[in-house]
Amino acid sequence: MNIKPIKNEQDYQQSFTEVEQLWGAEHRSDEHDKIDILVTLIEAF
């Protein structure tokens, strides 16, 4: 899992796109955990 802080609009768009691609991941999977982390970063941005 390679996650970095969102520092600008490009980082924001990349994170949002990744969440869209992972959406529907099985609960309690690594992909679902990644969604949780990315959404937290997106909200903080």
N, C-alpha and C. Protein backbone atom coordinates (compact mmCIF):
# COMPACT_ATOMS: atom_id res chain seq x y z
N MET A 1 0.86 -1.17 0.00
CA MET A 1 0.00 0.00 0.00
C MET A 1 0.91 1.23 0.00
N ASN A 2 0.79 2.04 -1.04
CA ASN A 2 1.61 3.23 -1.17
C ASN A 2 0.71 4.46 -1.09
N ILE A 3 0.64 5.06 0.08
CA ILE A 3 -0.22 6.22 0.30
C ILE A 3 0.64 7.38 0.75
N LYS A 4 0.37 8.57 0.19
CA LYS A 4 1.12 9.75 0.57
C LYS A 4 0.15 10.89 0.86
N PRO A 5 0.59 11.93 1.54
CA PRO A 5 -0.28 13.06 1.83
C PRO A 5 -0.79 13.73 0.55
N ILE A 6 -1.96 14.33 0.66
CA ILE A 6 -2.52 15.11 -0.46
C ILE A 6 -2.06 16.55 -0.26
N LYS A 7 -1.24 17.03 -1.20
CA LYS A 7 -0.66 18.36 -1.06
C LYS A 7 -1.17 19.36 -2.09
N ASN A 8 -1.83 18.85 -3.15
CA ASN A 8 -2.30 19.77 -4.19
C ASN A 8 -3.48 19.13 -4.93
N GLU A 9 -4.02 19.84 -5.89
CA GLU A 9 -5.19 19.38 -6.63
C GLU A 9 -4.91 18.08 -7.40
N GLN A 10 -3.73 17.94 -7.94
CA GLN A 10 -3.38 16.72 -8.67
C GLN A 10 -3.38 15.51 -7.74
N ASP A 11 -2.79 15.65 -6.56
CA ASP A 11 -2.81 14.57 -5.58
C ASP A 11 -4.25 14.23 -5.20
N TYR A 12 -5.06 15.26 -5.03
CA TYR A 12 -6.47 15.07 -4.68
C TYR A 12 -7.19 14.27 -5.76
N GLN A 13 -7.01 14.65 -7.02
CA GLN A 13 -7.68 13.95 -8.12
C GLN A 13 -7.21 12.50 -8.22
N GLN A 14 -5.93 12.26 -8.04
CA GLN A 14 -5.40 10.89 -8.10
C GLN A 14 -5.99 10.04 -6.97
N SER A 15 -6.08 10.60 -5.79
CA SER A 15 -6.64 9.88 -4.66
C SER A 15 -8.12 9.57 -4.90
N PHE A 16 -8.85 10.55 -5.40
CA PHE A 16 -10.27 10.37 -5.67
C PHE A 16 -10.48 9.28 -6.73
N THR A 17 -9.67 9.30 -7.77
CA THR A 17 -9.77 8.29 -8.82
C THR A 17 -9.47 6.90 -8.26
N GLU A 18 -8.50 6.82 -7.39
CA GLU A 18 -8.16 5.53 -6.80
C GLU A 18 -9.31 5.00 -5.93
N VAL A 19 -9.94 5.89 -5.18
CA VAL A 19 -11.11 5.49 -4.38
C VAL A 19 -12.21 4.95 -5.29
N GLU A 20 -12.46 5.63 -6.39
CA GLU A 20 -13.48 5.18 -7.34
C GLU A 20 -13.16 3.78 -7.87
N GLN A 21 -11.90 3.53 -8.16
CA GLN A 21 -11.49 2.23 -8.70
C GLN A 21 -11.61 1.12 -7.65
N LEU A 22 -11.38 1.46 -6.39
CA LEU A 22 -11.43 0.47 -5.32
C LEU A 22 -12.83 0.29 -4.75
N TRP A 23 -13.74 1.20 -5.10
CA TRP A 23 -15.09 1.18 -4.52
C TRP A 23 -15.72 -0.19 -4.70
N GLY A 24 -16.32 -0.70 -3.67
CA GLY A 24 -16.94 -2.01 -3.72
C GLY A 24 -16.02 -3.12 -3.24
N ALA A 25 -14.84 -2.74 -2.75
CA ALA A 25 -13.90 -3.74 -2.24
C ALA A 25 -14.53 -4.48 -1.07
N GLU A 26 -14.12 -5.71 -0.92
CA GLU A 26 -14.64 -6.54 0.15
C GLU A 26 -14.29 -5.95 1.51
N HIS A 27 -15.27 -5.92 2.39
CA HIS A 27 -15.09 -5.40 3.74
C HIS A 27 -13.96 -6.15 4.44
N ARG A 28 -13.13 -5.43 5.16
CA ARG A 28 -11.99 -5.95 5.91
C ARG A 28 -10.85 -6.45 5.02
N SER A 29 -10.82 -6.01 3.79
CA SER A 29 -9.71 -6.35 2.90
C SER A 29 -8.71 -5.20 2.91
N ASP A 30 -7.53 -5.44 2.35
CA ASP A 30 -6.53 -4.38 2.24
C ASP A 30 -7.05 -3.23 1.39
N GLU A 31 -7.79 -3.57 0.33
CA GLU A 31 -8.35 -2.54 -0.55
C GLU A 31 -9.36 -1.67 0.19
N HIS A 32 -10.16 -2.28 1.04
CA HIS A 32 -11.14 -1.52 1.82
C HIS A 32 -10.44 -0.61 2.81
N ASP A 33 -9.38 -1.11 3.43
CA ASP A 33 -8.58 -0.28 4.35
C ASP A 33 -8.00 0.92 3.61
N LYS A 34 -7.55 0.69 2.38
CA LYS A 34 -6.97 1.77 1.59
C LYS A 34 -8.02 2.83 1.29
N ILE A 35 -9.25 2.40 0.99
CA ILE A 35 -10.34 3.35 0.77
C ILE A 35 -10.52 4.21 2.01
N ASP A 36 -10.58 3.58 3.18
CA ASP A 36 -10.76 4.33 4.43
C ASP A 36 -9.68 5.40 4.62
N ILE A 37 -8.45 5.02 4.36
CA ILE A 37 -7.33 5.96 4.54
C ILE A 37 -7.41 7.09 3.51
N LEU A 38 -7.66 6.75 2.25
CA LEU A 38 -7.73 7.78 1.21
C LEU A 38 -8.89 8.75 1.45
N VAL A 39 -10.03 8.24 1.87
CA VAL A 39 -11.18 9.11 2.15
C VAL A 39 -10.84 10.07 3.29
N THR A 40 -10.15 9.58 4.29
CA THR A 40 -9.74 10.46 5.40
C THR A 40 -8.82 11.57 4.90
N LEU A 41 -7.87 11.21 4.04
CA LEU A 41 -6.96 12.22 3.48
C LEU A 41 -7.71 13.21 2.59
N ILE A 42 -8.63 12.71 1.79
CA ILE A 42 -9.42 13.58 0.91
C ILE A 42 -10.23 14.57 1.74
N GLU A 43 -10.89 14.09 2.78
CA GLU A 43 -11.68 14.97 3.64
C GLU A 43 -10.80 16.02 4.32
N ALA A 44 -9.60 15.64 4.72
CA ALA A 44 -8.69 16.58 5.39
C ALA A 44 -8.18 17.66 4.44
N PHE A 45 -8.08 17.31 3.15
CA PHE A 45 -7.59 18.26 2.17
C PHE A 45 -8.63 19.35 1.96
